[in-house]
Amino acid sequence: MTATHLDGLDKCDLHKRTPYGITNVRMTQFSIARHYGVVTFNGDTFIYFPDTDELVRDDVLKWKKKSQQKPRKQK
């Protein structure tokens, strides 16, 4: 099984008006994102990842990065 940028989103509480990600981009109308690296869909910005051929919403990427950071120790 190939790793994907959409792994670990089961606890993501962001809105679901648009999908968190879109896979197999080459086979969809979003294939234009392969050339520009980004596409906007229903007001949300999606970033293209050529290694996995998927689009991921930018706010989901920020959420994922923040959730993976280790909490800082209090003094």
C-alpha atoms as a PDB file:
ATOM      1  CA  MET A   1       0.000   0.000   0.000  1.00  0.00           C
ATOM      2  CA  THR A   2       1.324   3.414  -0.956  1.00  0.00           C
ATOM      3  CA  ALA A   3       1.545   6.215   1.594  1.00  0.00           C
ATOM      4  CA  THR A   4      -0.780   9.109   0.937  1.00  0.00           C
ATOM      5  CA  HIS A   5      -1.033  12.669   2.187  1.00  0.00           C
ATOM      6  CA  LEU A   6      -4.589  11.880   3.254  1.00  0.00           C
ATOM      7  CA  ASP A   7      -3.606   9.351   5.936  1.00  0.00           C
ATOM      8  CA  GLY A   8      -4.450  10.231   9.531  1.00  0.00           C
ATOM      9  CA  LEU A   9      -7.415  12.496   8.882  1.00  0.00           C
ATOM     10  CA  ASP A  10      -9.938  10.449  10.852  1.00  0.00           C
ATOM     11  CA  LYS A  11      -9.901  13.028  13.699  1.00  0.00           C
ATOM     12  CA  CYS A  12      -9.882  16.087  11.459  1.00  0.00           C
ATOM     13  CA  ASP A  13     -12.739  18.388  12.437  1.00  0.00           C
ATOM     14  CA  LEU A  14     -12.530  20.830   9.524  1.00  0.00           C
ATOM     15  CA  HIS A  15     -15.568  21.540   7.340  1.00  0.00           C
ATOM     16  CA  LYS A  16     -16.659  18.980   4.788  1.00  0.00           C
ATOM     17  CA  ARG A  17     -18.258  21.250   2.190  1.00  0.00           C
ATOM     18  CA  THR A  18     -15.470  20.122  -0.113  1.00  0.00           C
ATOM     19  CA  PRO A  19     -13.491  16.888   0.193  1.00  0.00           C
ATOM     20  CA  TYR A  20     -10.262  16.807   2.200  1.00  0.00           C
ATOM     21  CA  GLY A  21      -8.526  15.451  -0.875  1.00  0.00           C
ATOM     22  CA  ILE A  22      -8.955  14.115  -4.379  1.00  0.00           C
ATOM     23  CA  THR A  23      -7.042  11.076  -5.617  1.00  0.00           C
ATOM     24  CA  ASN A  24      -6.178   9.943  -9.159  1.00  0.00           C
ATOM     25  CA  VAL A  25      -6.087  13.530 -10.337  1.00  0.00           C
ATOM     26  CA  ARG A  26      -4.798  12.590 -13.792  1.00  0.00           C
ATOM     27  CA  MET A  27      -8.135  10.918 -14.506  1.00  0.00           C
ATOM     28  CA  THR A  28     -10.349  13.846 -13.448  1.00  0.00           C
ATOM     29  CA  GLN A  29     -11.283  17.345 -14.544  1.00  0.00           C
ATOM     30  CA  PHE A  30      -8.751  18.580 -11.951  1.00  0.00           C
ATOM     31  CA  SER A  31      -5.811  17.355 -14.030  1.00  0.00           C
ATOM     32  CA  ILE A  32      -5.003  21.009 -14.830  1.00  0.00           C
ATOM     33  CA  ALA A  33      -3.553  21.148 -11.301  1.00  0.00           C
ATOM     34  CA  ARG A  34      -0.691  18.940 -12.507  1.00  0.00           C
ATOM     35  CA  HIS A  35       0.584  21.886 -14.549  1.00  0.00           C
ATOM     36  CA  TYR A  36      -0.020  24.687 -12.033  1.00  0.00           C
ATOM     37  CA  GLY A  37       0.438  22.820  -8.746  1.00  0.00           C
ATOM     38  CA  VAL A  38      -2.727  24.272  -7.298  1.00  0.00           C
ATOM     39  CA  VAL A  39      -6.435  24.474  -8.076  1.00  0.00           C
ATOM     40  CA  THR A  40      -9.419  26.191  -6.465  1.00  0.00           C
ATOM     41  CA  PHE A  41     -12.656  24.250  -6.070  1.00  0.00           C
ATOM     42  CA  ASN A  42     -15.788  25.749  -4.455  1.00  0.00           C
ATOM     43  CA  GLY A  43     -13.658  28.427  -2.792  1.00  0.00           C
ATOM     44  CA  ASP A  44     -11.093  26.057  -1.267  1.00  0.00           C
ATOM     45  CA  THR A  45      -7.512  25.811  -2.468  1.00  0.00           C
ATOM     46  CA  PHE A  46      -6.055  22.378  -3.177  1.00  0.00           C
ATOM     47  CA  ILE A  47      -2.328  21.613  -3.490  1.00  0.00           C
ATOM     48  CA  TYR A  48      -1.172  18.990  -5.997  1.00  0.00           C
ATOM     49  CA  PHE A  49       1.265  16.236  -4.975  1.00  0.00           C
ATOM     50  CA  PRO A  50       2.718  14.502  -8.051  1.00  0.00           C
ATOM     51  CA  ASP A  51       4.291  11.665  -6.036  1.00  0.00           C
ATOM     52  CA  THR A  52       0.847  10.394  -5.013  1.00  0.00           C
ATOM     53  CA  ASP A  53      -1.200  12.053  -7.802  1.00  0.00           C
ATOM     54  CA  GLU A  54      -3.569  13.691  -5.362  1.00  0.00           C
ATOM     55  CA  LEU A  55      -4.915  17.072  -4.373  1.00  0.00           C
ATOM     56  CA  VAL A  56      -5.139  18.025  -0.693  1.00  0.00           C
ATOM     57  CA  ARG A  57      -6.941  21.055   0.712  1.00  0.00           C
ATOM     58  CA  ASP A  58      -4.504  23.630   2.076  1.00  0.00           C
ATOM     59  CA  ASP A  59      -6.294  23.969   5.444  1.00  0.00           C
ATOM     60  CA  VAL A  60      -6.140  20.182   5.848  1.00  0.00           C
ATOM     61  CA  LEU A  61      -2.384  20.276   5.262  1.00  0.00           C
ATOM     62  CA  LYS A  62      -2.025  22.973   7.944  1.00  0.00           C
ATOM     63  CA  TRP A  63      -4.191  20.963  10.351  1.00  0.00           C
ATOM     64  CA  LYS A  64      -2.146  17.823   9.707  1.00  0.00           C
ATOM     65  CA  LYS A  65       1.162  19.624  10.242  1.00  0.00           C
ATOM     66  CA  LYS A  66      -0.083  21.172  13.484  1.00  0.00           C
ATOM     67  CA  SER A  67      -1.431  17.852  14.778  1.00  0.00           C
ATOM     68  CA  GLN A  68       1.887  16.097  14.102  1.00  0.00           C
ATOM     69  CA  GLN A  69       3.947  18.598  16.058  1.00  0.00           C
ATOM     70  CA  LYS A  70       5.031  17.498  19.513  1.00  0.00           C
ATOM     71  CA  PRO A  71       3.585  19.617  22.315  1.00  0.00           C
ATOM     72  CA  ARG A  72       6.033  21.992  23.934  1.00  0.00           C
ATOM     73  CA  LYS A  73       7.005  21.391  27.540  1.00  0.00           C
ATOM     74  CA  GLN A  74       5.769  23.930  30.062  1.00  0.00           C
ATOM     75  CA  LYS A  75       8.407  25.578  32.295  1.00  0.00           C
END
